[in-house]
Protein backbone atom coordinates (compact mmCIF):
# COMPACT_ATOMS: atom_id res chain seq x y z
CA UNK A 1 -101.69 -26.97 42.19
CA UNK A 2 -103.38 -23.79 43.48
CA UNK A 3 -106.86 -25.14 44.10
CA UNK A 4 -109.66 -27.48 43.14
CA UNK A 5 -113.22 -26.99 42.04
CA UNK A 6 -115.66 -26.91 44.92
CA UNK A 7 -119.36 -27.71 44.55
CA UNK A 8 -121.96 -28.17 47.25
CA UNK A 9 -125.19 -30.07 46.70
CA UNK A 10 -127.70 -29.18 49.41
CA UNK A 11 -129.79 -32.25 50.29
CA UNK A 12 -131.65 -30.84 53.30
CA UNK A 13 -131.14 -30.15 57.00
CA UNK A 14 -127.43 -30.54 57.80
CA UNK A 15 -126.83 -32.81 54.83
CA UNK A 16 -124.77 -31.68 51.86
CA UNK A 17 -122.56 -33.37 49.32
CA UNK A 18 -119.22 -31.56 49.07
CA UNK A 19 -117.29 -32.27 45.89
CA UNK A 20 -113.81 -30.88 46.47
CA UNK A 21 -111.48 -31.71 43.63
CA UNK A 22 -111.86 -35.44 43.04
CA UNK A 23 -113.27 -36.31 46.49
CA UNK A 24 -116.96 -36.63 47.41
CA UNK A 25 -117.70 -35.92 51.06
CA UNK A 26 -121.11 -36.08 52.76
CA UNK A 27 -122.02 -34.08 55.87
CA UNK A 28 -124.35 -35.31 58.65
CA UNK A 29 -126.47 -37.79 56.64
CA UNK A 30 -130.26 -37.45 56.97
CA UNK A 31 -132.34 -39.26 54.33
CA UNK A 32 -135.53 -40.38 56.08
CA UNK A 33 -138.89 -39.29 54.62
CA UNK A 34 -140.77 -36.44 56.31
CA UNK A 35 -143.26 -36.83 59.13
CA UNK A 36 -141.19 -38.90 61.53
CA UNK A 37 -140.88 -38.38 65.27
CA UNK A 38 -137.58 -39.27 66.92
CA UNK A 39 -137.37 -39.71 70.68
CA UNK A 40 -134.18 -39.81 72.73
CA UNK A 41 -134.72 -39.59 76.48
CA UNK A 42 -137.04 -36.64 77.17
CA UNK A 43 -136.52 -35.13 73.69
CA UNK A 44 -138.74 -35.77 70.68
CA UNK A 45 -137.74 -34.21 67.35
CA UNK A 46 -140.19 -33.82 64.46
CA UNK A 47 -138.99 -34.06 60.85
CA UNK A 48 -140.95 -31.82 58.47
CA UNK A 49 -139.34 -32.39 55.06
CA UNK A 50 -137.50 -35.20 53.33
CA UNK A 51 -134.25 -35.14 51.36
CA UNK A 52 -134.09 -33.33 48.02
CA UNK A 53 -132.10 -36.29 46.68
CA UNK A 54 -132.73 -39.86 47.91
CA UNK A 55 -129.71 -41.73 49.21
CA UNK A 56 -129.87 -44.29 46.38
CA UNK A 57 -129.56 -41.50 43.78
CA UNK A 58 -126.57 -39.80 45.36
CA UNK A 59 -123.83 -41.90 43.79
CA UNK A 60 -120.70 -43.08 45.53
CA UNK A 61 -119.44 -41.35 48.68
CA UNK A 62 -115.78 -41.29 49.65
CA UNK A 63 -116.02 -39.96 53.21
CA UNK A 64 -118.64 -38.85 55.71
CA UNK A 65 -118.13 -35.91 58.07
CA UNK A 66 -120.40 -36.75 60.98
CA UNK A 67 -120.43 -33.98 63.56
CA UNK A 68 -122.19 -36.27 66.05
CA UNK A 69 -124.14 -39.49 65.96
CA UNK A 70 -126.51 -39.14 68.92
CA UNK A 71 -129.14 -36.74 67.50
CA UNK A 72 -131.50 -37.93 64.79
CA UNK A 73 -131.57 -34.58 62.99
CA UNK A 74 -127.88 -35.14 62.18
CA UNK A 75 -127.98 -38.89 61.62
CA UNK A 76 -131.36 -40.51 60.98
CA UNK A 77 -132.18 -44.12 60.16
CA UNK A 78 -131.55 -43.96 56.41
CA UNK A 79 -128.42 -41.90 56.98
CA UNK A 80 -127.07 -44.49 59.37
CA UNK A 81 -127.65 -47.22 56.78
CA UNK A 82 -125.55 -45.27 54.28
CA UNK A 83 -122.45 -45.01 56.50
CA UNK A 84 -121.05 -48.42 55.58
CA UNK A 85 -120.81 -47.43 51.90
CA UNK A 86 -118.14 -44.79 52.60
CA UNK A 87 -114.42 -45.46 52.91
CA UNK A 88 -114.55 -44.00 56.40
CA UNK A 89 -116.76 -41.92 58.68
CA UNK A 90 -114.95 -39.16 60.56
CA UNK A 91 -116.71 -38.28 63.80
CA UNK A 92 -116.26 -37.80 67.54
CA UNK A 93 -114.33 -40.34 69.59
CA UNK A 94 -117.54 -41.17 71.46
CA UNK A 95 -119.45 -41.59 68.21
CA UNK A 96 -116.83 -43.87 66.71
CA UNK A 97 -117.03 -46.00 69.84
CA UNK A 98 -120.75 -46.44 69.34
CA UNK A 99 -120.72 -46.86 65.56
CA UNK A 100 -117.67 -49.09 65.14
CA UNK A 101 -117.05 -50.39 61.63
CA UNK A 102 -115.44 -47.82 59.33
CA UNK A 103 -115.78 -44.91 61.76
CA UNK A 104 -112.74 -42.93 62.88
CA UNK A 105 -112.89 -41.00 66.14
CA UNK A 106 -111.26 -37.58 66.25
CA UNK A 107 -110.69 -35.11 69.03
CA UNK A 108 -110.52 -31.33 68.41
CA UNK A 109 -107.42 -30.24 66.44
CA UNK A 110 -106.56 -33.83 65.54
CA UNK A 111 -105.93 -34.33 61.82
CA UNK A 112 -105.93 -37.17 59.32
CA UNK A 113 -104.46 -37.35 55.83
CA UNK A 114 -106.59 -38.96 53.13
CA UNK A 115 -105.03 -40.06 49.85
CA UNK A 116 -107.57 -39.12 47.20
CA UNK A 117 -105.60 -39.80 44.04
CA UNK A 118 -102.05 -40.07 42.79
CA UNK A 119 -100.11 -37.70 44.99
CA UNK A 120 -103.20 -35.86 46.22
CA UNK A 121 -103.52 -35.58 49.99
CA UNK A 122 -106.66 -34.14 51.55
CA UNK A 123 -106.11 -33.09 55.14
CA UNK A 124 -109.07 -33.13 57.51
CA UNK A 125 -108.79 -31.45 60.89
CA UNK A 126 -111.42 -31.92 63.60
CA UNK A 127 -112.43 -28.60 65.13
CA UNK A 128 -114.06 -27.70 68.46
CA UNK A 129 -117.82 -27.35 68.72
CA UNK A 130 -120.19 -26.69 71.60
CA UNK A 131 -123.77 -27.80 71.10
CA UNK A 132 -125.44 -25.20 73.32
CA UNK A 133 -124.53 -22.99 76.29
CA UNK A 134 -121.55 -23.89 78.46
CA UNK A 135 -123.86 -25.20 81.19
CA UNK A 136 -126.15 -27.05 78.78
CA UNK A 137 -123.94 -28.52 76.07
CA UNK A 138 -125.76 -31.29 74.16
CA UNK A 139 -122.47 -32.62 72.75
CA UNK A 140 -119.94 -34.00 72.20
CA UNK A 141 -119.71 -32.58 68.68
CA UNK A 142 -116.91 -31.76 66.26
CA UNK A 143 -116.61 -29.63 63.16
CA UNK A 144 -114.09 -30.10 60.35
CA UNK A 145 -111.61 -28.15 58.23
CA UNK A 146 -110.60 -29.62 54.86
CA UNK A 147 -107.76 -28.60 52.58
CA UNK A 148 -105.33 -30.14 50.11
CA UNK A 149 -101.75 -30.34 51.31
CA UNK A 150 -100.52 -28.40 48.26
CA UNK A 151 -103.17 -25.67 48.69
CA UNK A 152 -103.34 -24.92 52.44
CA UNK A 153 -104.64 -21.42 51.79
CA UNK A 154 -108.00 -22.73 50.47
CA UNK A 155 -109.72 -24.28 53.45
CA UNK A 156 -113.31 -25.47 53.65
CA UNK A 157 -114.95 -25.47 57.09
CA UNK A 158 -118.03 -27.43 58.18
CA UNK A 159 -119.15 -26.25 61.61
CA UNK A 160 -121.36 -29.14 62.70
CA UNK A 161 -123.90 -28.23 65.39
CA UNK A 162 -122.29 -25.49 67.47
CA UNK A 163 -122.95 -22.09 68.93
CA UNK A 164 -120.52 -19.23 68.41
CA UNK A 165 -117.84 -19.21 71.11
CA UNK A 166 -114.11 -18.63 71.47
CA UNK A 167 -112.98 -22.05 70.21
CA UNK A 168 -114.89 -21.57 66.94
CA UNK A 169 -113.20 -18.18 66.55
CA UNK A 170 -109.86 -19.96 67.00
CA UNK A 171 -110.54 -21.97 63.83
CA UNK A 172 -110.17 -18.70 61.90
CA UNK A 173 -106.92 -17.92 63.67
CA UNK A 174 -105.44 -21.28 62.68
CA UNK A 175 -106.80 -21.73 59.15
CA UNK A 176 -107.47 -19.45 56.15
CA UNK A 177 -111.10 -20.47 55.68
CA UNK A 178 -112.44 -19.54 52.24
CA UNK A 179 -115.76 -21.43 52.45
CA UNK A 180 -117.68 -21.88 55.71
CA UNK A 181 -120.62 -24.29 55.76
CA UNK A 182 -122.55 -23.39 58.91
CA UNK A 183 -125.30 -25.26 60.72
CA UNK A 184 -127.60 -22.42 61.76
CA UNK A 185 -131.30 -22.28 62.67
CA UNK A 186 -130.94 -21.40 66.38
CA UNK A 187 -132.28 -24.83 67.37
CA UNK A 188 -134.32 -24.79 70.57
CA UNK A 189 -135.75 -27.77 72.46
CA UNK A 190 -137.87 -26.46 75.37
CA UNK A 191 -137.69 -29.68 77.35
CA UNK A 192 -133.93 -29.22 77.81
CA UNK A 193 -134.01 -25.43 78.24
CA UNK A 194 -134.69 -22.13 76.48
CA UNK A 195 -131.17 -21.56 75.15
CA UNK A 196 -130.30 -21.98 71.48
CA UNK A 197 -128.28 -25.10 70.64
CA UNK A 198 -126.97 -24.08 67.21
CA UNK A 199 -125.85 -20.71 65.83
CA UNK A 200 -128.30 -17.85 65.67
CA UNK A 201 -128.38 -15.47 62.73
CA UNK A 202 -126.56 -12.85 64.80
CA UNK A 203 -123.88 -15.38 65.72
CA UNK A 204 -123.46 -16.20 62.04
CA UNK A 205 -122.90 -12.49 61.40
CA UNK A 206 -120.26 -12.46 64.14
CA UNK A 207 -118.68 -15.50 62.49
CA UNK A 208 -118.60 -13.71 59.13
CA UNK A 209 -116.88 -10.70 60.69
CA UNK A 210 -114.26 -12.95 62.29
CA UNK A 211 -113.69 -14.92 59.06
CA UNK A 212 -113.48 -12.01 56.58
CA UNK A 213 -112.37 -14.10 53.59
CA UNK A 214 -115.03 -16.78 53.94
CA UNK A 215 -118.10 -17.32 51.79
CA UNK A 216 -120.91 -18.34 54.18
CA UNK A 217 -123.06 -21.31 53.11
CA UNK A 218 -126.04 -21.81 55.50
CA UNK A 219 -127.29 -25.30 56.32
CA UNK A 220 -129.56 -26.85 58.95
CA UNK A 221 -132.06 -24.00 59.33
CA UNK A 222 -135.13 -25.78 57.95
CA UNK A 223 -136.79 -29.16 57.70
CA UNK A 224 -137.17 -29.82 61.45
CA UNK A 225 -139.63 -28.35 63.91
CA UNK A 226 -137.06 -27.29 66.50
CA UNK A 227 -135.47 -24.51 64.42
CA UNK A 228 -136.42 -21.06 65.70
CA UNK A 229 -134.81 -19.02 62.89
CA UNK A 230 -135.18 -19.65 59.18
CA UNK A 231 -133.83 -18.20 55.95
CA UNK A 232 -135.65 -14.85 56.30
CA UNK A 233 -134.14 -14.19 59.74
CA UNK A 234 -130.63 -15.10 58.57
CA UNK A 235 -130.92 -13.00 55.43
CA UNK A 236 -132.20 -9.99 57.43
CA UNK A 237 -129.37 -10.18 59.96
CA UNK A 238 -126.77 -10.21 57.20
CA UNK A 239 -128.51 -7.38 55.34
CA UNK A 240 -128.61 -5.20 58.45
CA UNK A 241 -124.90 -5.89 58.97
CA UNK A 242 -124.12 -4.99 55.35
CA UNK A 243 -122.84 -8.51 54.71
CA UNK A 244 -125.44 -9.95 52.34
CA UNK A 245 -122.85 -10.48 49.61
CA UNK A 246 -121.03 -12.90 51.88
CA UNK A 247 -123.95 -15.35 51.84
CA UNK A 248 -124.23 -18.17 49.32
CA UNK A 249 -127.64 -19.84 49.57
CA UNK A 250 -127.37 -23.32 48.07
CA UNK A 251 -130.20 -24.42 45.79
CA UNK A 252 -131.99 -27.38 47.33
CA UNK A 253 -131.10 -30.44 45.27
CA UNK A 254 -128.82 -28.49 42.93
CA UNK A 255 -125.03 -28.51 42.47
CA UNK A 256 -123.77 -25.12 43.57
CA UNK A 257 -120.32 -24.06 42.36
CA UNK A 258 -118.40 -22.16 45.04
CA UNK A 259 -115.58 -19.83 44.00
CA UNK A 260 -112.61 -20.17 46.35
């Protein structure tokens, strides 16, 4: 088999439903209503918008790709409640230790094989991520590459919360990524420093140049107060780089077919 249909339903923030062939995979679940404040240590995050689709209307979920469990903008209260409904939750080793249950801890470059139908094997590889500058990493975090064992040339990449750095570039050297789902927004939290904690628009452009075959699907650039760059900034950076055609903006709440 040369490939499977790929659709992405954008729910809000870092949360999307990826339907890849017969499997339904959810990224970083956030389903709380808007208006909440979430405090961890010195940091308080403010949620501005709720999910486009409530958790109870999403249907069944096979697997969750959880880049990290310790920030509420990637796993809020309602998202945490949903985890037990999946077959397994793939996340960091530290996160799996905290979550227990059906969570599976993965270190960068570790892979698992998921049987998703008669003879169909979906491979999931954990990828490196750095949640901020080298001297201010808010991790640990992982990203993920997904592909079917009989179609290794059609990889889907979910970055999780990361900045652009050499280990992210290495993902493109190891895997032929055709669709890259990137957490952008240049998140900034002044109480922990002035540096951005997720990719900037310019870093996303650099990513696109380093992954020349990948369609870029932006996530996690709106819905929370700590994002410093929104859709306009991202779109402008890609336009100035002559790469606008590489962007695929998912419709909020809609099923978006991605051509691989």
